[in-house]
Amino acid sequence: MSKKQNKIFIISGPSGVGEDVIIDGLKKKIKFNQLTTTVTRKMRVGERQGKPYYFITAKKFKTMIKNKEFVEWAIVYGDYRGCPKKEIKRLLKLNKPILWKVDWQGVKTAKKTFPGQVVAIFIIPDSYQILEKRLVKRGWDSIQTIKNRKKFTLEWFKHKSIYDYIVVNHQGKLRQAINETVTIIREELEG
């Protein structure tokens, strides 16, 4: 397999920044294998098993941790999230670039585990106030949950130096953020 085909592109940013929409836009322009993360949170409307996550119980997740079945895992917003080793191994065998959505903690682990293969792109909002408005408008979380997320969101910015690129998803300019991310990925694949 070539280094180009083994590249792992991480799209990462705090909840509400638009990672999923950017990923959907990327998939229309570049051929990827998308890594599916395993989570313990409840399914939301429109989600199903394997799209966009594998949903399991906290008990099962903890058993997988004990059995060392994860490349990386973390507690994010009170729920467990992680990448099973078998998922990344399966995708690496397919000889295509991999797209992975993971938080900053996962970026650090991925860069250590797959040196030279990971390109981490940090998606950020114009401001925290705009991000908070997006979360409220989305309507998935209570106002208290959104306020509790602020501390974790600010942690992302403390670790921005681990990212290779930063893309601002400006309010009302989603297409621009998608195109900027596509340009970064194409240049990495060609380089």
C-alpha atoms as a PDB file:
ATOM      1  CA  MET A   1       0.000   0.000   0.000  1.00  0.00           C
ATOM      2  CA  SER A   2       1.262   3.474  -0.760  1.00  0.00           C
ATOM      3  CA  LYS A   3       1.699   6.133   1.884  1.00  0.00           C
ATOM      4  CA  LYS A   4      -0.816   8.277  -0.021  1.00  0.00           C
ATOM      5  CA  GLN A   5      -3.501   5.618   0.258  1.00  0.00           C
ATOM      6  CA  ASN A   6      -2.789   5.033   3.931  1.00  0.00           C
ATOM      7  CA  LYS A   7      -3.354   8.654   4.923  1.00  0.00           C
ATOM      8  CA  ILE A   8      -5.766   9.149   7.778  1.00  0.00           C
ATOM      9  CA  PHE A   9      -7.593  12.480   7.665  1.00  0.00           C
ATOM     10  CA  ILE A  10      -9.060  13.574  10.972  1.00  0.00           C
ATOM     11  CA  ILE A  11     -11.871  16.093  11.029  1.00  0.00           C
ATOM     12  CA  SER A  12     -12.145  17.427  14.553  1.00  0.00           C
ATOM     13  CA  GLY A  13     -13.933  20.171  16.409  1.00  0.00           C
ATOM     14  CA  PRO A  14     -16.300  20.878  19.264  1.00  0.00           C
ATOM     15  CA  SER A  15     -19.938  19.843  19.137  1.00  0.00           C
ATOM     16  CA  GLY A  16     -22.008  22.091  16.886  1.00  0.00           C
ATOM     17  CA  VAL A  17     -19.114  23.342  14.761  1.00  0.00           C
ATOM     18  CA  GLY A  18     -20.359  21.459  11.684  1.00  0.00           C
ATOM     19  CA  GLU A  19     -17.980  18.496  11.385  1.00  0.00           C
ATOM     20  CA  ASP A  20     -20.689  16.104  10.162  1.00  0.00           C
ATOM     21  CA  VAL A  21     -21.941  18.503   7.492  1.00  0.00           C
ATOM     22  CA  ILE A  22     -18.374  19.161   6.354  1.00  0.00           C
ATOM     23  CA  ILE A  23     -17.713  15.406   6.236  1.00  0.00           C
ATOM     24  CA  ASP A  24     -20.868  14.928   4.115  1.00  0.00           C
ATOM     25  CA  GLY A  25     -19.568  17.626   1.747  1.00  0.00           C
ATOM     26  CA  LEU A  26     -16.136  15.993   1.565  1.00  0.00           C
ATOM     27  CA  LYS A  27     -17.610  12.603   0.679  1.00  0.00           C
ATOM     28  CA  LYS A  28     -19.233  14.144  -2.410  1.00  0.00           C
ATOM     29  CA  LYS A  29     -15.851  15.371  -3.672  1.00  0.00           C
ATOM     30  CA  ILE A  30     -13.248  12.818  -2.514  1.00  0.00           C
ATOM     31  CA  LYS A  31     -13.402   9.019  -2.213  1.00  0.00           C
ATOM     32  CA  PHE A  32     -12.783   7.912   1.380  1.00  0.00           C
ATOM     33  CA  ASN A  33     -13.430   5.069   3.722  1.00  0.00           C
ATOM     34  CA  GLN A  34     -14.988   6.615   6.796  1.00  0.00           C
ATOM     35  CA  LEU A  35     -14.066   5.257  10.182  1.00  0.00           C
ATOM     36  CA  THR A  36     -17.109   4.649  12.368  1.00  0.00           C
ATOM     37  CA  THR A  37     -16.603   5.472  16.031  1.00  0.00           C
ATOM     38  CA  THR A  38     -18.191   3.427  18.816  1.00  0.00           C
ATOM     39  CA  VAL A  39     -20.179   5.469  21.369  1.00  0.00           C
ATOM     40  CA  THR A  40     -22.308   4.947  24.456  1.00  0.00           C
ATOM     41  CA  ARG A  41     -24.623   7.926  23.981  1.00  0.00           C
ATOM     42  CA  LYS A  42     -28.223   7.415  22.934  1.00  0.00           C
ATOM     43  CA  MET A  43     -29.171   7.467  19.272  1.00  0.00           C
ATOM     44  CA  ARG A  44     -30.654  10.709  18.024  1.00  0.00           C
ATOM     45  CA  VAL A  45     -33.436  11.115  15.500  1.00  0.00           C
ATOM     46  CA  GLY A  46     -32.184  10.148  12.042  1.00  0.00           C
ATOM     47  CA  GLU A  47     -29.331   7.984  13.333  1.00  0.00           C
ATOM     48  CA  ARG A  48     -29.094   4.216  13.104  1.00  0.00           C
ATOM     49  CA  GLN A  49     -26.574   1.534  14.040  1.00  0.00           C
ATOM     50  CA  GLY A  50     -23.380   2.250  12.089  1.00  0.00           C
ATOM     51  CA  LYS A  51     -24.608   5.637  10.797  1.00  0.00           C
ATOM     52  CA  PRO A  52     -22.899   7.769  12.043  1.00  0.00           C
ATOM     53  CA  TYR A  53     -21.748   5.639  15.037  1.00  0.00           C
ATOM     54  CA  TYR A  54     -21.825   2.137  16.454  1.00  0.00           C
ATOM     55  CA  PHE A  55     -23.993   2.461  19.573  1.00  0.00           C
ATOM     56  CA  ILE A  56     -23.251   0.164  22.526  1.00  0.00           C
ATOM     57  CA  THR A  57     -23.845   0.131  26.276  1.00  0.00           C
ATOM     58  CA  ALA A  58     -21.364   1.593  28.742  1.00  0.00           C
ATOM     59  CA  LYS A  59     -20.965  -1.886  30.229  1.00  0.00           C
ATOM     60  CA  LYS A  60     -19.909  -3.360  26.875  1.00  0.00           C
ATOM     61  CA  PHE A  61     -17.612  -0.396  26.208  1.00  0.00           C
ATOM     62  CA  LYS A  62     -15.871  -0.883  29.572  1.00  0.00           C
ATOM     63  CA  THR A  63     -15.383  -4.575  28.770  1.00  0.00           C
ATOM     64  CA  MET A  64     -13.772  -3.589  25.459  1.00  0.00           C
ATOM     65  CA  ILE A  65     -11.458  -1.184  27.328  1.00  0.00           C
ATOM     66  CA  LYS A  66     -10.473  -3.952  29.730  1.00  0.00           C
ATOM     67  CA  ASN A  67      -9.768  -6.240  26.749  1.00  0.00           C
ATOM     68  CA  LYS A  68      -7.636  -3.515  25.083  1.00  0.00           C
ATOM     69  CA  GLU A  69      -9.841  -3.479  21.981  1.00  0.00           C
ATOM     70  CA  PHE A  70      -9.520   0.266  21.297  1.00  0.00           C
ATOM     71  CA  VAL A  71      -6.867   2.243  19.424  1.00  0.00           C
ATOM     72  CA  GLU A  72      -8.070   5.217  21.429  1.00  0.00           C
ATOM     73  CA  TRP A  73     -10.997   6.074  23.656  1.00  0.00           C
ATOM     74  CA  ALA A  74     -12.127   8.957  25.822  1.00  0.00           C
ATOM     75  CA  ILE A  75     -15.058  10.230  27.816  1.00  0.00           C
ATOM     76  CA  VAL A  76     -16.579  13.077  25.829  1.00  0.00           C
ATOM     77  CA  TYR A  77     -19.542  15.059  27.138  1.00  0.00           C
ATOM     78  CA  GLY A  78     -20.110  12.314  29.717  1.00  0.00           C
ATOM     79  CA  ASP A  79     -20.244   9.413  27.242  1.00  0.00           C
ATOM     80  CA  TYR A  80     -17.590   6.936  26.113  1.00  0.00           C
ATOM     81  CA  ARG A  81     -16.309   7.213  22.531  1.00  0.00           C
ATOM     82  CA  GLY A  82     -13.579   5.220  20.870  1.00  0.00           C
ATOM     83  CA  CYS A  83     -12.090   3.598  17.807  1.00  0.00           C
ATOM     84  CA  PRO A  84     -11.924  -0.184  17.934  1.00  0.00           C
ATOM     85  CA  LYS A  85      -8.661  -1.660  16.623  1.00  0.00           C
ATOM     86  CA  LYS A  86     -10.593  -3.967  14.298  1.00  0.00           C
ATOM     87  CA  GLU A  87     -12.301  -0.961  12.639  1.00  0.00           C
ATOM     88  CA  ILE A  88      -9.070   0.836  11.754  1.00  0.00           C
ATOM     89  CA  LYS A  89      -7.370  -2.430  10.666  1.00  0.00           C
ATOM     90  CA  ARG A  90     -10.321  -3.192   8.379  1.00  0.00           C
ATOM     91  CA  LEU A  91     -10.098   0.227   6.735  1.00  0.00           C
ATOM     92  CA  LEU A  92      -6.302   0.192   6.360  1.00  0.00           C
ATOM     93  CA  LYS A  93      -6.606  -3.040   4.335  1.00  0.00           C
ATOM     94  CA  LEU A  94      -8.917  -1.309   1.830  1.00  0.00           C
ATOM     95  CA  ASN A  95      -6.074   0.823   0.464  1.00  0.00           C
ATOM     96  CA  LYS A  96      -7.957   4.162   0.382  1.00  0.00           C
ATOM     97  CA  PRO A  97      -7.618   7.346   2.425  1.00  0.00           C
ATOM     98  CA  ILE A  98      -9.478   7.171   5.734  1.00  0.00           C
ATOM     99  CA  LEU A  99     -11.727   9.877   7.127  1.00  0.00           C
ATOM    100  CA  TRP A 100     -12.022   9.912  10.926  1.00  0.00           C
ATOM    101  CA  LYS A 101     -14.022  12.209  13.196  1.00  0.00           C
ATOM    102  CA  VAL A 102     -12.456  12.334  16.652  1.00  0.00           C
ATOM    103  CA  ASP A 103     -11.883  14.827  19.471  1.00  0.00           C
ATOM    104  CA  TRP A 104      -8.533  16.440  20.372  1.00  0.00           C
ATOM    105  CA  GLN A 105      -7.689  13.594  22.758  1.00  0.00           C
ATOM    106  CA  GLY A 106      -8.103  11.127  19.890  1.00  0.00           C
ATOM    107  CA  VAL A 107      -5.944  13.296  17.622  1.00  0.00           C
ATOM    108  CA  LYS A 108      -3.055  13.037  20.089  1.00  0.00           C
ATOM    109  CA  THR A 109      -3.387   9.255  20.315  1.00  0.00           C
ATOM    110  CA  ALA A 110      -3.824   8.791  16.555  1.00  0.00           C
ATOM    111  CA  LYS A 111      -0.672  10.793  15.803  1.00  0.00           C
ATOM    112  CA  LYS A 112       1.320   8.621  18.217  1.00  0.00           C
ATOM    113  CA  THR A 113      -0.196   5.363  16.939  1.00  0.00           C
ATOM    114  CA  PHE A 114       0.056   6.173  13.211  1.00  0.00           C
ATOM    115  CA  PRO A 115       3.083   8.488  12.882  1.00  0.00           C
ATOM    116  CA  GLY A 116       3.328  10.169   9.496  1.00  0.00           C
ATOM    117  CA  GLN A 117      -0.099   8.928   8.385  1.00  0.00           C
ATOM    118  CA  VAL A 118      -2.407  11.335  10.236  1.00  0.00           C
ATOM    119  CA  VAL A 119      -3.432  14.750   8.923  1.00  0.00           C
ATOM    120  CA  ALA A 120      -5.531  16.521  11.561  1.00  0.00           C
ATOM    121  CA  ILE A 121      -7.880  19.331  10.527  1.00  0.00           C
ATOM    122  CA  PHE A 122      -9.389  21.435  13.314  1.00  0.00           C
ATOM    123  CA  ILE A 123     -12.807  22.880  12.444  1.00  0.00           C
ATOM    124  CA  ILE A 124     -13.603  25.952  14.535  1.00  0.00           C
ATOM    125  CA  PRO A 125     -16.504  28.413  14.750  1.00  0.00           C
ATOM    126  CA  ASP A 126     -16.281  32.197  14.335  1.00  0.00           C
ATOM    127  CA  SER A 127     -16.733  32.470  18.123  1.00  0.00           C
ATOM    128  CA  TYR A 128     -18.009  30.499  21.074  1.00  0.00           C
ATOM    129  CA  GLN A 129     -21.173  32.643  21.094  1.00  0.00           C
ATOM    130  CA  ILE A 130     -21.998  31.554  17.532  1.00  0.00           C
ATOM    131  CA  LEU A 131     -21.269  27.935  18.438  1.00  0.00           C
ATOM    132  CA  GLU A 132     -23.610  28.189  21.435  1.00  0.00           C
ATOM    133  CA  LYS A 133     -26.370  29.624  19.207  1.00  0.00           C
ATOM    134  CA  ARG A 134     -25.918  26.709  16.767  1.00  0.00           C
ATOM    135  CA  LEU A 135     -26.231  24.199  19.610  1.00  0.00           C
ATOM    136  CA  VAL A 136     -29.405  25.865  20.914  1.00  0.00           C
ATOM    137  CA  LYS A 137     -30.918  26.015  17.409  1.00  0.00           C
ATOM    138  CA  ARG A 138     -30.095  22.339  16.822  1.00  0.00           C
ATOM    139  CA  GLY A 139     -32.355  21.500  19.772  1.00  0.00           C
ATOM    140  CA  TRP A 140     -30.688  18.226  20.829  1.00  0.00           C
ATOM    141  CA  ASP A 141     -29.418  19.316  24.228  1.00  0.00           C
ATOM    142  CA  SER A 142     -30.794  21.228  27.177  1.00  0.00           C
ATOM    143  CA  ILE A 143     -29.495  24.749  27.829  1.00  0.00           C
ATOM    144  CA  GLN A 144     -27.704  23.395  30.928  1.00  0.00           C
ATOM    145  CA  THR A 145     -25.982  20.658  28.894  1.00  0.00           C
ATOM    146  CA  ILE A 146     -24.854  23.264  26.359  1.00  0.00           C
ATOM    147  CA  LYS A 147     -23.466  25.462  29.126  1.00  0.00           C
ATOM    148  CA  ASN A 148     -21.662  22.451  30.634  1.00  0.00           C
ATOM    149  CA  ARG A 149     -20.010  21.826  27.276  1.00  0.00           C
ATOM    150  CA  LYS A 150     -18.306  25.214  27.274  1.00  0.00           C
ATOM    151  CA  LYS A 151     -15.436  24.010  29.498  1.00  0.00           C
ATOM    152  CA  PHE A 152     -14.753  21.017  27.234  1.00  0.00           C
ATOM    153  CA  THR A 153     -15.046  23.199  24.124  1.00  0.00           C
ATOM    154  CA  LEU A 154     -12.433  25.585  25.503  1.00  0.00           C
ATOM    155  CA  GLU A 155     -10.119  22.574  26.021  1.00  0.00           C
ATOM    156  CA  TRP A 156     -10.079  22.049  22.243  1.00  0.00           C
ATOM    157  CA  PHE A 157      -8.550  25.483  21.781  1.00  0.00           C
ATOM    158  CA  LYS A 158      -5.861  24.815  24.386  1.00  0.00           C
ATOM    159  CA  HIS A 159      -4.706  21.904  22.205  1.00  0.00           C
ATOM    160  CA  LYS A 160      -4.911  23.536  18.771  1.00  0.00           C
ATOM    161  CA  SER A 161      -1.148  23.113  18.265  1.00  0.00           C
ATOM    162  CA  ILE A 162      -1.635  19.347  17.719  1.00  0.00           C
ATOM    163  CA  TYR A 163      -3.541  20.063  14.501  1.00  0.00           C
ATOM    164  CA  ASP A 164      -1.941  20.366  11.088  1.00  0.00           C
ATOM    165  CA  TYR A 165      -4.604  22.745   9.752  1.00  0.00           C
ATOM    166  CA  ILE A 166      -7.343  25.007  11.110  1.00  0.00           C
ATOM    167  CA  VAL A 167     -10.497  25.716   9.093  1.00  0.00           C
ATOM    168  CA  VAL A 168     -13.005  28.306  10.294  1.00  0.00           C
ATOM    169  CA  ASN A 169     -16.614  27.364   9.583  1.00  0.00           C
ATOM    170  CA  HIS A 170     -17.894  30.941   9.380  1.00  0.00           C
ATOM    171  CA  GLN A 171     -21.587  31.460  10.042  1.00  0.00           C
ATOM    172  CA  GLY A 172     -23.443  31.206   6.723  1.00  0.00           C
ATOM    173  CA  LYS A 173     -20.330  30.109   4.779  1.00  0.00           C
ATOM    174  CA  LEU A 174     -20.413  26.321   5.079  1.00  0.00           C
ATOM    175  CA  ARG A 175     -19.548  25.779   1.403  1.00  0.00           C
ATOM    176  CA  GLN A 176     -16.367  27.828   1.919  1.00  0.00           C
ATOM    177  CA  ALA A 177     -15.325  25.619   4.875  1.00  0.00           C
ATOM    178  CA  ILE A 178     -15.998  22.463   2.835  1.00  0.00           C
ATOM    179  CA  ASN A 179     -13.998  23.769  -0.142  1.00  0.00           C
ATOM    180  CA  GLU A 180     -11.078  24.813   2.067  1.00  0.00           C
ATOM    181  CA  THR A 181     -11.020  21.357   3.663  1.00  0.00           C
ATOM    182  CA  VAL A 182     -11.200  19.659   0.243  1.00  0.00           C
ATOM    183  CA  THR A 183      -8.234  21.755  -0.946  1.00  0.00           C
ATOM    184  CA  ILE A 184      -6.170  20.750   2.107  1.00  0.00           C
ATOM    185  CA  ILE A 185      -6.916  17.060   1.609  1.00  0.00           C
ATOM    186  CA  ARG A 186      -6.243  17.078  -2.145  1.00  0.00           C
ATOM    187  CA  GLU A 187      -2.908  18.825  -1.599  1.00  0.00           C
ATOM    188  CA  GLU A 188      -1.955  16.266   1.062  1.00  0.00           C
ATOM    189  CA  LEU A 189      -2.907  13.377  -1.232  1.00  0.00           C
ATOM    190  CA  GLU A 190      -0.969  14.829  -4.170  1.00  0.00           C
ATOM    191  CA  GLY A 191       2.062  15.795  -2.045  1.00  0.00           C
END
